[in-house]
Protein backbone atom coordinates (compact mmCIF):
# COMPACT_ATOMS: atom_id res chain seq x y z
CA MET A 1 -22.61 198.73 174.14
CA SER A 2 -22.48 201.98 172.90
CA PHE A 3 -21.42 204.67 174.93
CA LYS A 4 -22.24 208.77 175.31
CA ALA A 5 -21.25 211.46 176.99
CA GLY A 6 -24.49 212.52 179.86
CA ASP A 7 -24.93 207.97 180.24
CA ILE A 8 -26.25 206.95 183.84
CA LEU A 9 -24.71 203.82 184.49
CA SER A 10 -25.10 201.61 187.06
CA PHE A 11 -21.87 199.74 187.54
CA THR A 12 -21.18 196.24 190.28
CA ALA A 13 -18.75 197.48 192.69
CA HIS A 14 -16.14 194.37 194.18
CA ASP A 15 -18.14 193.48 196.85
CA ALA A 16 -21.25 192.68 194.65
CA THR A 17 -22.70 195.41 195.38
CA PHE A 18 -23.97 198.45 193.12
CA GLY A 19 -23.47 201.61 192.27
CA MET A 20 -24.21 204.50 189.82
CA ALA A 21 -21.53 206.49 187.59
CA LYS A 22 -22.70 209.25 184.21
CA VAL A 23 -20.32 209.56 181.84
CA LEU A 24 -19.09 213.01 181.95
CA ARG A 25 -16.91 212.89 177.77
CA ILE A 26 -15.28 210.05 175.67
CA ASP A 27 -12.15 210.93 173.99
CA THR A 28 -11.39 210.14 170.91
CA LEU A 29 -8.02 208.62 169.35
CA GLU A 30 -8.21 212.01 167.82
CA ASP A 31 -8.25 213.80 171.42
CA LEU A 32 -5.97 211.71 173.01
CA PRO A 33 -2.13 209.66 172.05
CA THR A 34 -4.19 206.66 173.12
CA PRO A 35 -4.55 202.84 171.97
CA GLU A 36 -8.46 203.20 172.41
CA PRO A 37 -11.11 205.88 173.48
CA VAL A 38 -11.27 206.83 177.15
CA LEU A 39 -14.35 207.52 178.95
CA HIS A 40 -13.88 210.29 181.56
CA LEU A 41 -16.64 209.49 185.01
CA LEU A 42 -18.27 211.16 187.56
CA ILE A 43 -18.43 208.38 190.27
CA TYR A 44 -22.23 209.05 192.49
CA SER A 45 -21.64 207.99 196.43
CA VAL A 46 -24.59 205.82 195.79
CA ARG A 47 -24.26 202.00 196.81
CA ASN A 48 -26.91 199.27 196.72
CA ILE A 49 -27.72 195.87 197.34
CA PHE A 50 -30.18 196.42 194.61
CA PRO A 51 -28.59 197.18 191.15
CA PRO A 52 -30.02 201.83 191.47
CA ASN A 53 -32.44 202.48 188.42
CA LEU A 54 -32.53 206.42 187.20
CA ALA A 55 -34.47 207.63 190.32
CA HIS A 56 -31.52 207.13 192.42
CA LEU A 57 -30.09 209.69 190.62
CA ALA A 58 -32.65 212.54 192.73
CA GLU A 59 -30.66 211.97 195.75
CA ALA A 60 -27.25 211.04 194.77
CA LYS A 61 -23.65 213.31 195.39
CA PRO A 62 -20.48 212.96 193.52
CA PHE A 63 -18.12 210.54 194.69
CA ILE A 64 -15.30 210.95 192.47
CA ALA A 65 -15.62 214.04 190.77
CA HIS A 66 -13.76 212.59 187.61
CA LEU A 67 -12.57 209.06 186.47
CA PRO A 68 -10.27 208.13 183.49
CA LEU A 69 -10.81 204.47 182.05
CA PHE A 70 -9.93 202.79 179.55
CA GLU A 71 -13.50 202.25 177.05
CA SER A 72 -12.37 198.13 177.63
CA ALA A 73 -12.56 198.62 180.91
CA VAL A 74 -16.02 200.36 181.14
CA VAL A 75 -17.26 197.06 179.54
CA LYS A 76 -15.30 194.91 182.18
CA SER A 77 -17.40 196.64 184.56
CA GLY A 78 -20.67 195.28 183.67
CA CYS A 79 -21.96 198.05 183.26
CA VAL A 80 -26.25 199.21 182.56
CA HIS A 81 -27.33 201.72 180.78
CA ILE A 82 -29.80 203.54 183.30
CA GLY A 83 -30.51 206.53 181.81
CA TYR A 84 -29.70 210.02 180.35
CA GLN A 85 -28.81 213.14 181.95
CA GLU A 86 -26.87 215.97 180.39
CA VAL A 87 -23.95 217.00 181.30
CA ARG A 88 -23.39 220.15 182.96
CA ALA A 89 -20.63 222.53 182.48
CA ASP A 90 -18.85 222.49 185.64
CA GLU A 91 -18.93 218.99 186.03
CA LEU A 92 -16.36 218.97 183.05
CA ASP A 93 -13.65 221.07 185.57
CA ALA A 94 -12.18 218.63 186.71
CA TYR A 95 -11.54 217.17 183.81
CA ARG A 96 -9.72 219.66 182.22
CA VAL A 97 -7.78 219.78 185.31
CA TRP A 98 -6.99 216.04 184.41
CA GLN A 99 -6.14 217.02 181.43
CA ASP A 100 -3.51 219.77 181.54
CA ALA A 101 -2.31 217.05 184.11
CA PHE A 102 -2.00 214.20 181.30
CA PHE A 103 -0.48 216.26 178.83
CA SER A 104 1.91 217.26 181.63
CA GLY A 105 2.82 213.35 181.85
CA GLU A 106 1.17 214.26 185.95
CA ALA A 107 -1.63 212.24 185.31
CA GLY A 108 -3.05 208.58 183.82
CA ILE A 109 -6.09 206.30 183.05
CA PHE A 110 -7.16 203.50 184.21
CA ASN A 111 -7.06 199.86 182.53
CA LEU A 112 -8.94 197.71 185.30
CA PRO A 113 -12.50 197.86 185.81
CA ILE A 114 -14.66 200.57 187.90
CA SER A 115 -14.08 199.24 191.86
CA GLU A 116 -11.14 198.54 191.19
CA ALA A 117 -9.87 202.03 190.10
CA ILE A 118 -12.42 203.44 193.15
CA GLY A 119 -9.94 200.70 195.16
CA ILE A 120 -6.62 202.78 193.92
CA ILE A 121 -7.40 206.12 194.24
CA LEU A 122 -8.83 206.50 197.80
CA GLU A 123 -5.68 204.22 198.79
CA ALA A 124 -3.76 206.46 197.33
CA LEU A 125 -5.65 209.52 199.50
CA GLY A 126 -5.62 206.70 202.72
CA LYS A 127 -9.20 206.36 203.19
CA LYS A 128 -10.83 203.00 202.86
CA SER A 129 -13.05 201.99 199.98
CA LYS A 130 -16.82 202.79 200.24
CA LEU A 131 -17.53 201.02 196.91
């Protein structure tokens, strides 16, 4: 699967439900010293027993503003392309915070499926996983 910034994706969550994400940016090997491209995702609060479609985007609220994953981890997440929406400048604010932290050695990149990475973030925040 080929990804581009603005893609809206459906992914399979750990409990066999479905979530929705937006590709905010893709950093290539020229942008970051990594072994493969990194996809930066916005995770929406949508969770459904059926795969979401683009109509769900109208009611979707951001759940996690930025989630960096290696491209292979996104592929392992069972993603399906469901649409496209331009990336707004303000949607990249959390990416910029992460970027500064990454180059300072204070942030990393997940090499796990989306739902597992979400679980780790929520556990670190002391919250129960909803995805």
